[in-house]
């Protein structure tokens, strides 16, 4: 399906990873997995996804992750939606693909469409 190329983020073991598509040095789309620096298990992080549209209605998205104390922040801007089925971001999904017992917490969820 279209979701293997992102966009999404995941926590696997002791790593937070962002799966996204960005342009390489030649301007071609390239799928990449970016580790979120400073993430530590059992810590709170604020995660923000922002979708932007250009004058032709083509969406891109920005991602930021900030530690609860504000000391760690990582931002990625202008990421691309590749699969045509994902070019109209009109839903949000929160899933777990864990294969063992897992506990996750989601707090202060906020969705705004302007």
C-alpha atoms as a PDB file:
ATOM      1  CA  UNK A   1       0.000   0.000   0.000  1.00  0.00           C
ATOM      2  CA  UNK A   2       0.823   3.654  -0.116  1.00  0.00           C
ATOM      3  CA  UNK A   3       1.793   3.903   3.540  1.00  0.00           C
ATOM      4  CA  UNK A   4       5.192   2.207   3.307  1.00  0.00           C
ATOM      5  CA  UNK A   5       6.686   5.440   1.915  1.00  0.00           C
ATOM      6  CA  UNK A   6       5.164   7.637   4.595  1.00  0.00           C
ATOM      7  CA  UNK A   7       4.488  10.013   5.933  1.00  0.00           C
ATOM      8  CA  UNK A   8       4.549   8.546   9.400  1.00  0.00           C
ATOM      9  CA  UNK A   9       6.650   8.363  12.504  1.00  0.00           C
ATOM     10  CA  UNK A  10       7.244   5.370  14.699  1.00  0.00           C
ATOM     11  CA  UNK A  11       8.933   4.376  17.902  1.00  0.00           C
ATOM     12  CA  UNK A  12      10.893   1.169  17.539  1.00  0.00           C
ATOM     13  CA  UNK A  13      12.799   0.040  20.599  1.00  0.00           C
ATOM     14  CA  UNK A  14      14.719   3.088  21.772  1.00  0.00           C
ATOM     15  CA  UNK A  15      14.427   5.076  18.549  1.00  0.00           C
ATOM     16  CA  UNK A  16      11.865   7.516  17.198  1.00  0.00           C
ATOM     17  CA  UNK A  17      11.941   7.454  13.404  1.00  0.00           C
ATOM     18  CA  UNK A  18      10.261   9.599  10.776  1.00  0.00           C
ATOM     19  CA  UNK A  19       9.505   8.001   7.399  1.00  0.00           C
ATOM     20  CA  UNK A  20       9.132  10.684   4.774  1.00  0.00           C
ATOM     21  CA  UNK A  21       9.880  11.734   1.241  1.00  0.00           C
ATOM     22  CA  UNK A  22      12.047  14.725   0.411  1.00  0.00           C
ATOM     23  CA  UNK A  23      13.884  15.978  -2.633  1.00  0.00           C
ATOM     24  CA  UNK A  24      17.487  14.902  -3.120  1.00  0.00           C
ATOM     25  CA  UNK A  25      20.287  17.151  -4.432  1.00  0.00           C
ATOM     26  CA  UNK A  26      18.999  16.617  -7.991  1.00  0.00           C
ATOM     27  CA  UNK A  27      15.421  17.556  -7.088  1.00  0.00           C
ATOM     28  CA  UNK A  28      14.135  13.980  -7.350  1.00  0.00           C
ATOM     29  CA  UNK A  29      11.816  12.522  -4.682  1.00  0.00           C
ATOM     30  CA  UNK A  30      13.635  10.219  -2.280  1.00  0.00           C
ATOM     31  CA  UNK A  31      12.081   8.178   0.522  1.00  0.00           C
ATOM     32  CA  UNK A  32      14.115   8.389   3.712  1.00  0.00           C
ATOM     33  CA  UNK A  33      13.976   7.362   7.337  1.00  0.00           C
ATOM     34  CA  UNK A  34      15.201  10.074   9.698  1.00  0.00           C
ATOM     35  CA  UNK A  35      16.055   9.340  13.349  1.00  0.00           C
ATOM     36  CA  UNK A  36      14.686  11.944  15.752  1.00  0.00           C
ATOM     37  CA  UNK A  37      17.710  13.072  17.708  1.00  0.00           C
ATOM     38  CA  UNK A  38      17.479  13.225  21.482  1.00  0.00           C
ATOM     39  CA  UNK A  39      14.500  10.898  21.868  1.00  0.00           C
ATOM     40  CA  UNK A  40      14.696   8.698  24.942  1.00  0.00           C
ATOM     41  CA  UNK A  41      12.164   6.034  25.956  1.00  0.00           C
ATOM     42  CA  UNK A  42       9.792   6.973  28.749  1.00  0.00           C
ATOM     43  CA  UNK A  43      10.042  10.684  27.975  1.00  0.00           C
ATOM     44  CA  UNK A  44       7.414  13.082  26.682  1.00  0.00           C
ATOM     45  CA  UNK A  45       7.811  14.655  23.259  1.00  0.00           C
ATOM     46  CA  UNK A  46       5.582  17.141  21.483  1.00  0.00           C
ATOM     47  CA  UNK A  47       5.072  16.075  17.876  1.00  0.00           C
ATOM     48  CA  UNK A  48       3.628  18.463  15.308  1.00  0.00           C
ATOM     49  CA  UNK A  49       2.591  17.777  11.718  1.00  0.00           C
ATOM     50  CA  UNK A  50       1.628  20.756   9.564  1.00  0.00           C
ATOM     51  CA  UNK A  51       0.266  20.451   6.030  1.00  0.00           C
ATOM     52  CA  UNK A  52       0.859  23.326   3.614  1.00  0.00           C
ATOM     53  CA  UNK A  53      -0.525  23.885   0.112  1.00  0.00           C
ATOM     54  CA  UNK A  54       1.194  25.764  -2.696  1.00  0.00           C
ATOM     55  CA  UNK A  55      -0.642  27.995  -5.184  1.00  0.00           C
ATOM     56  CA  UNK A  56      -1.497  24.904  -7.286  1.00  0.00           C
ATOM     57  CA  UNK A  57      -2.990  23.040  -4.328  1.00  0.00           C
ATOM     58  CA  UNK A  58      -0.079  20.581  -4.043  1.00  0.00           C
ATOM     59  CA  UNK A  59       0.467  19.640  -0.390  1.00  0.00           C
ATOM     60  CA  UNK A  60       3.754  19.422   1.463  1.00  0.00           C
ATOM     61  CA  UNK A  61       4.164  18.864   5.156  1.00  0.00           C
ATOM     62  CA  UNK A  62       6.406  19.891   8.011  1.00  0.00           C
ATOM     63  CA  UNK A  63       7.305  17.814  11.056  1.00  0.00           C
ATOM     64  CA  UNK A  64       8.749  18.866  14.387  1.00  0.00           C
ATOM     65  CA  UNK A  65       9.530  16.957  17.562  1.00  0.00           C
ATOM     66  CA  UNK A  66      10.314  18.832  20.767  1.00  0.00           C
ATOM     67  CA  UNK A  67      11.213  17.392  24.153  1.00  0.00           C
ATOM     68  CA  UNK A  68       8.867  18.340  26.980  1.00  0.00           C
ATOM     69  CA  UNK A  69      11.504  20.608  28.527  1.00  0.00           C
ATOM     70  CA  UNK A  70      12.160  22.288  25.154  1.00  0.00           C
ATOM     71  CA  UNK A  71      15.850  21.428  25.066  1.00  0.00           C
ATOM     72  CA  UNK A  72      15.648  19.062  22.091  1.00  0.00           C
ATOM     73  CA  UNK A  73      13.957  20.145  18.894  1.00  0.00           C
ATOM     74  CA  UNK A  74      14.169  18.714  15.417  1.00  0.00           C
ATOM     75  CA  UNK A  75      12.333  20.128  12.415  1.00  0.00           C
ATOM     76  CA  UNK A  76      11.937  18.908   8.859  1.00  0.00           C
ATOM     77  CA  UNK A  77      10.145  21.159   6.371  1.00  0.00           C
ATOM     78  CA  UNK A  78       8.760  20.801   2.867  1.00  0.00           C
ATOM     79  CA  UNK A  79       8.340  17.023   2.959  1.00  0.00           C
ATOM     80  CA  UNK A  80       6.346  15.483   0.140  1.00  0.00           C
ATOM     81  CA  UNK A  81       3.277  13.307  -0.259  1.00  0.00           C
ATOM     82  CA  UNK A  82       4.203  10.836  -3.018  1.00  0.00           C
ATOM     83  CA  UNK A  83       1.307   8.439  -3.432  1.00  0.00           C
ATOM     84  CA  UNK A  84      -1.668  10.127  -5.160  1.00  0.00           C
ATOM     85  CA  UNK A  85      -4.021   8.525  -2.601  1.00  0.00           C
ATOM     86  CA  UNK A  86      -2.233  10.463   0.151  1.00  0.00           C
ATOM     87  CA  UNK A  87      -2.131  13.840  -1.577  1.00  0.00           C
ATOM     88  CA  UNK A  88      -5.350  14.954   0.060  1.00  0.00           C
ATOM     89  CA  UNK A  89      -4.547  14.574   3.730  1.00  0.00           C
ATOM     90  CA  UNK A  90      -8.020  14.462   5.217  1.00  0.00           C
ATOM     91  CA  UNK A  91      -7.579  11.978   8.040  1.00  0.00           C
ATOM     92  CA  UNK A  92      -5.155  11.026  10.789  1.00  0.00           C
ATOM     93  CA  UNK A  93      -4.458   7.480  11.910  1.00  0.00           C
ATOM     94  CA  UNK A  94      -2.815   6.314  15.110  1.00  0.00           C
ATOM     95  CA  UNK A  95      -1.830   2.663  15.105  1.00  0.00           C
ATOM     96  CA  UNK A  96       0.507   0.203  16.753  1.00  0.00           C
ATOM     97  CA  UNK A  97       2.285  -2.505  14.830  1.00  0.00           C
ATOM     98  CA  UNK A  98       3.934  -3.937  17.943  1.00  0.00           C
ATOM     99  CA  UNK A  99       4.296  -7.685  18.066  1.00  0.00           C
ATOM    100  CA  UNK A 100       4.385  -7.853  21.848  1.00  0.00           C
ATOM    101  CA  UNK A 101       2.843  -6.237  24.886  1.00  0.00           C
ATOM    102  CA  UNK A 102       3.236  -2.467  24.570  1.00  0.00           C
ATOM    103  CA  UNK A 103       2.006   0.629  26.367  1.00  0.00           C
ATOM    104  CA  UNK A 104       1.780   4.003  24.615  1.00  0.00           C
ATOM    105  CA  UNK A 105       0.287   7.263  25.809  1.00  0.00           C
ATOM    106  CA  UNK A 106      -1.294   9.935  23.687  1.00  0.00           C
ATOM    107  CA  UNK A 107      -2.058  13.162  25.494  1.00  0.00           C
ATOM    108  CA  UNK A 108      -3.369  16.568  24.476  1.00  0.00           C
ATOM    109  CA  UNK A 109      -4.274  15.476  20.957  1.00  0.00           C
ATOM    110  CA  UNK A 110      -5.348  18.434  18.852  1.00  0.00           C
ATOM    111  CA  UNK A 111      -6.481  18.567  15.222  1.00  0.00           C
ATOM    112  CA  UNK A 112      -7.230  21.816  13.424  1.00  0.00           C
ATOM    113  CA  UNK A 113      -8.237  22.408   9.826  1.00  0.00           C
ATOM    114  CA  UNK A 114      -7.906  26.011   8.651  1.00  0.00           C
END
